[in-house]
Amino acid sequence: MSVRLYVGNLPQSFDAKELEALFSAVGEGVRFKAVNDRETGTCRGFGFANVDDQKLAEAVIAQLNGKEFGGNSLRIEISERRDSRTAGSGDRRGQTAPLRQAVNKVVHADQVDSQAPDPRWAGELAKLKQLLDSQKAAV
């Protein structure tokens, strides 16, 4: 079973091959992916590593957590799954907010209300009505 590790405190610009060399020095079977900013494309300072087994994951944490890399001290820990986190886990008072519930949006309904236009096309429908009215006035 694969174990996912959080790798934090990465410098914004770093050589991925150097980091992969650090991981491969601990053992084979570690795959890393940095999380990049959507707008700038630079590293956001963290990423995730997938490790083949639990023993290797523990070895990576033991050997590389706190190790100096690119002027920063690496932070490596087992990543929590998204559904197990709480929304207020960083609250100083220890109170946690409930997780947001998934919203099941209806994109298509089998029964169409004949009186109401589809909201996805309401703007286009108004333009078509204006176009038809202008054509009728021209005739």
C-alpha atoms as a PDB file:
ATOM      1  CA  MET A   1       0.000   0.000   0.000  1.00  0.00           C
ATOM      2  CA  SER A   2       1.294   3.427  -0.937  1.00  0.00           C
ATOM      3  CA  VAL A   3       1.837   6.057   1.758  1.00  0.00           C
ATOM      4  CA  ARG A   4       1.525   9.757   0.976  1.00  0.00           C
ATOM      5  CA  LEU A   5       3.924  12.164   2.666  1.00  0.00           C
ATOM      6  CA  TYR A   6       3.644  15.928   3.023  1.00  0.00           C
ATOM      7  CA  VAL A   7       6.926  17.647   2.168  1.00  0.00           C
ATOM      8  CA  GLY A   8       6.929  21.238   3.374  1.00  0.00           C
ATOM      9  CA  ASN A   9       9.155  24.254   3.827  1.00  0.00           C
ATOM     10  CA  LEU A  10      10.584  23.945   0.339  1.00  0.00           C
ATOM     11  CA  PRO A  11      12.327  26.940  -1.217  1.00  0.00           C
ATOM     12  CA  GLN A  12      10.369  28.629  -4.024  1.00  0.00           C
ATOM     13  CA  SER A  13      13.002  27.727  -6.567  1.00  0.00           C
ATOM     14  CA  PHE A  14      14.767  24.412  -6.141  1.00  0.00           C
ATOM     15  CA  ASP A  15      16.172  21.661  -8.279  1.00  0.00           C
ATOM     16  CA  ALA A  16      13.735  18.739  -8.258  1.00  0.00           C
ATOM     17  CA  LYS A  17      16.565  16.353  -9.160  1.00  0.00           C
ATOM     18  CA  GLU A  18      18.425  17.290  -5.973  1.00  0.00           C
ATOM     19  CA  LEU A  19      15.336  16.558  -3.899  1.00  0.00           C
ATOM     20  CA  GLU A  20      14.770  13.265  -5.714  1.00  0.00           C
ATOM     21  CA  ALA A  21      18.421  12.373  -5.000  1.00  0.00           C
ATOM     22  CA  LEU A  22      17.761  12.964  -1.279  1.00  0.00           C
ATOM     23  CA  PHE A  23      14.772  10.624  -1.420  1.00  0.00           C
ATOM     24  CA  SER A  24      16.602   7.954  -3.423  1.00  0.00           C
ATOM     25  CA  ALA A  25      19.453   8.013  -0.864  1.00  0.00           C
ATOM     26  CA  VAL A  26      16.923   6.756   1.701  1.00  0.00           C
ATOM     27  CA  GLY A  27      15.441   4.109  -0.590  1.00  0.00           C
ATOM     28  CA  GLU A  28      13.922   3.369  -3.976  1.00  0.00           C
ATOM     29  CA  GLY A  29      10.215   3.838  -4.619  1.00  0.00           C
ATOM     30  CA  VAL A  30       9.704   7.492  -3.641  1.00  0.00           C
ATOM     31  CA  ARG A  31       7.883   9.681  -6.163  1.00  0.00           C
ATOM     32  CA  PHE A  32       7.633  13.440  -5.491  1.00  0.00           C
ATOM     33  CA  LYS A  33       5.399  16.137  -6.977  1.00  0.00           C
ATOM     34  CA  ALA A  34       5.696  19.804  -6.000  1.00  0.00           C
ATOM     35  CA  VAL A  35       2.587  21.987  -5.732  1.00  0.00           C
ATOM     36  CA  ASN A  36       2.993  25.038  -7.980  1.00  0.00           C
ATOM     37  CA  ASP A  37       1.165  28.354  -7.983  1.00  0.00           C
ATOM     38  CA  ARG A  38      -1.365  28.532 -10.826  1.00  0.00           C
ATOM     39  CA  GLU A  39      -0.497  32.083 -11.830  1.00  0.00           C
ATOM     40  CA  THR A  40       3.289  32.230 -11.441  1.00  0.00           C
ATOM     41  CA  GLY A  41       4.201  28.558 -11.869  1.00  0.00           C
ATOM     42  CA  THR A  42       6.632  28.716  -8.937  1.00  0.00           C
ATOM     43  CA  CYS A  43       6.611  26.230  -6.089  1.00  0.00           C
ATOM     44  CA  ARG A  44       4.194  27.128  -3.281  1.00  0.00           C
ATOM     45  CA  GLY A  45       6.635  25.763  -0.720  1.00  0.00           C
ATOM     46  CA  PHE A  46       5.293  22.249  -0.396  1.00  0.00           C
ATOM     47  CA  GLY A  47       4.566  19.060  -2.262  1.00  0.00           C
ATOM     48  CA  PHE A  48       3.682  15.420  -1.778  1.00  0.00           C
ATOM     49  CA  ALA A  49       5.708  12.244  -2.026  1.00  0.00           C
ATOM     50  CA  ASN A  50       4.220   8.809  -2.611  1.00  0.00           C
ATOM     51  CA  VAL A  51       6.187   6.025  -0.963  1.00  0.00           C
ATOM     52  CA  ASP A  52       5.753   2.336  -1.752  1.00  0.00           C
ATOM     53  CA  ASP A  53       5.522   1.011   1.816  1.00  0.00           C
ATOM     54  CA  GLN A  54       5.124   2.126   5.430  1.00  0.00           C
ATOM     55  CA  LYS A  55       8.666   1.206   6.549  1.00  0.00           C
ATOM     56  CA  LEU A  56      10.223   3.283   3.781  1.00  0.00           C
ATOM     57  CA  ALA A  57       7.911   6.190   4.650  1.00  0.00           C
ATOM     58  CA  GLU A  58       9.044   6.041   8.282  1.00  0.00           C
ATOM     59  CA  ALA A  59      12.678   5.939   7.145  1.00  0.00           C
ATOM     60  CA  VAL A  60      12.176   9.001   4.914  1.00  0.00           C
ATOM     61  CA  ILE A  61      10.596  10.916   7.797  1.00  0.00           C
ATOM     62  CA  ALA A  62      13.326   9.864  10.259  1.00  0.00           C
ATOM     63  CA  GLN A  63      16.205  10.772   7.941  1.00  0.00           C
ATOM     64  CA  LEU A  64      14.926  13.852   6.118  1.00  0.00           C
ATOM     65  CA  ASN A  65      12.564  15.666   8.508  1.00  0.00           C
ATOM     66  CA  GLY A  66      14.448  18.778   9.657  1.00  0.00           C
ATOM     67  CA  LYS A  67      17.247  18.285   7.108  1.00  0.00           C
ATOM     68  CA  GLU A  68      18.651  21.416   5.484  1.00  0.00           C
ATOM     69  CA  PHE A  69      17.623  21.803   1.836  1.00  0.00           C
ATOM     70  CA  GLY A  70      18.091  24.966  -0.212  1.00  0.00           C
ATOM     71  CA  GLY A  71      18.484  27.117   2.888  1.00  0.00           C
ATOM     72  CA  ASN A  72      15.312  25.760   4.514  1.00  0.00           C
ATOM     73  CA  SER A  73      14.720  23.030   7.043  1.00  0.00           C
ATOM     74  CA  LEU A  74      12.484  20.372   5.438  1.00  0.00           C
ATOM     75  CA  ARG A  75       9.251  19.343   7.136  1.00  0.00           C
ATOM     76  CA  ILE A  76       8.167  15.818   6.257  1.00  0.00           C
ATOM     77  CA  GLU A  77       5.201  14.031   7.790  1.00  0.00           C
ATOM     78  CA  ILE A  78       2.485  11.588   6.830  1.00  0.00           C
ATOM     79  CA  SER A  79      -0.193  13.446   4.901  1.00  0.00           C
ATOM     80  CA  GLU A  80      -3.722  13.347   6.270  1.00  0.00           C
ATOM     81  CA  ARG A  81      -6.499  12.505   3.881  1.00  0.00           C
ATOM     82  CA  ARG A  82      -8.727  15.441   3.018  1.00  0.00           C
ATOM     83  CA  ASP A  83     -11.860  13.877   4.443  1.00  0.00           C
ATOM     84  CA  SER A  84     -10.204  13.295   7.849  1.00  0.00           C
ATOM     85  CA  ARG A  85      -9.218  16.936   8.372  1.00  0.00           C
ATOM     86  CA  THR A  86     -11.428  19.397  10.186  1.00  0.00           C
ATOM     87  CA  ALA A  87     -12.074  22.847   8.826  1.00  0.00           C
ATOM     88  CA  GLY A  88     -10.910  24.600  12.007  1.00  0.00           C
ATOM     89  CA  SER A  89      -7.919  22.451  12.838  1.00  0.00           C
ATOM     90  CA  GLY A  90      -5.729  25.556  13.165  1.00  0.00           C
ATOM     91  CA  ASP A  91      -7.990  27.226  15.709  1.00  0.00           C
ATOM     92  CA  ARG A  92      -5.975  28.329  18.741  1.00  0.00           C
ATOM     93  CA  ARG A  93      -8.786  27.614  21.163  1.00  0.00           C
ATOM     94  CA  GLY A  94      -8.942  23.970  20.156  1.00  0.00           C
ATOM     95  CA  GLN A  95     -12.442  24.250  18.750  1.00  0.00           C
ATOM     96  CA  THR A  96     -13.026  22.673  15.414  1.00  0.00           C
ATOM     97  CA  ALA A  97     -15.631  23.688  12.890  1.00  0.00           C
ATOM     98  CA  PRO A  98     -17.620  20.995  11.128  1.00  0.00           C
ATOM     99  CA  LEU A  99     -16.523  19.946   7.670  1.00  0.00           C
ATOM    100  CA  ARG A 100     -18.360  21.509   4.764  1.00  0.00           C
ATOM    101  CA  GLN A 101     -20.934  19.180   3.351  1.00  0.00           C
ATOM    102  CA  ALA A 102     -20.690  18.255  -0.301  1.00  0.00           C
ATOM    103  CA  VAL A 103     -23.346  20.010  -2.324  1.00  0.00           C
ATOM    104  CA  ASN A 104     -24.977  17.866  -4.951  1.00  0.00           C
ATOM    105  CA  LYS A 105     -25.915  20.338  -7.640  1.00  0.00           C
ATOM    106  CA  VAL A 106     -28.500  19.409 -10.208  1.00  0.00           C
ATOM    107  CA  VAL A 107     -27.176  20.238 -13.632  1.00  0.00           C
ATOM    108  CA  HIS A 108     -29.893  18.446 -15.562  1.00  0.00           C
ATOM    109  CA  ALA A 109     -33.396  17.547 -14.501  1.00  0.00           C
ATOM    110  CA  ASP A 110     -35.581  14.992 -16.258  1.00  0.00           C
ATOM    111  CA  GLN A 111     -38.689  17.099 -15.738  1.00  0.00           C
ATOM    112  CA  VAL A 112     -38.442  20.527 -17.254  1.00  0.00           C
ATOM    113  CA  ASP A 113     -40.607  23.357 -15.967  1.00  0.00           C
ATOM    114  CA  SER A 114     -42.145  24.606 -19.201  1.00  0.00           C
ATOM    115  CA  GLN A 115     -42.799  28.054 -17.713  1.00  0.00           C
ATOM    116  CA  ALA A 116     -39.216  28.854 -16.725  1.00  0.00           C
ATOM    117  CA  PRO A 117     -36.282  29.076 -19.126  1.00  0.00           C
ATOM    118  CA  ASP A 118     -33.185  27.060 -18.388  1.00  0.00           C
ATOM    119  CA  PRO A 119     -30.992  29.420 -16.328  1.00  0.00           C
ATOM    120  CA  ARG A 120     -27.911  28.340 -18.291  1.00  0.00           C
ATOM    121  CA  TRP A 121     -29.465  29.823 -21.440  1.00  0.00           C
ATOM    122  CA  ALA A 122     -31.438  32.752 -20.008  1.00  0.00           C
ATOM    123  CA  GLY A 123     -28.986  35.369 -21.327  1.00  0.00           C
ATOM    124  CA  GLU A 124     -28.935  33.828 -24.802  1.00  0.00           C
ATOM    125  CA  LEU A 125     -32.730  33.547 -24.780  1.00  0.00           C
ATOM    126  CA  ALA A 126     -33.074  37.275 -24.095  1.00  0.00           C
ATOM    127  CA  LYS A 127     -30.736  38.050 -27.028  1.00  0.00           C
ATOM    128  CA  LEU A 128     -32.748  35.784 -29.338  1.00  0.00           C
ATOM    129  CA  LYS A 129     -36.009  37.472 -28.340  1.00  0.00           C
ATOM    130  CA  GLN A 130     -34.507  40.896 -29.132  1.00  0.00           C
ATOM    131  CA  LEU A 131     -33.244  39.618 -32.477  1.00  0.00           C
ATOM    132  CA  LEU A 132     -36.686  38.218 -33.402  1.00  0.00           C
ATOM    133  CA  ASP A 133     -38.409  41.431 -32.320  1.00  0.00           C
ATOM    134  CA  SER A 134     -36.054  43.505 -34.489  1.00  0.00           C
ATOM    135  CA  GLN A 135     -36.693  41.221 -37.480  1.00  0.00           C
ATOM    136  CA  LYS A 136     -40.458  41.480 -37.015  1.00  0.00           C
ATOM    137  CA  ALA A 137     -40.224  45.280 -36.873  1.00  0.00           C
ATOM    138  CA  ALA A 138     -38.186  45.338 -40.095  1.00  0.00           C
ATOM    139  CA  VAL A 139     -40.808  43.344 -42.039  1.00  0.00           C
END
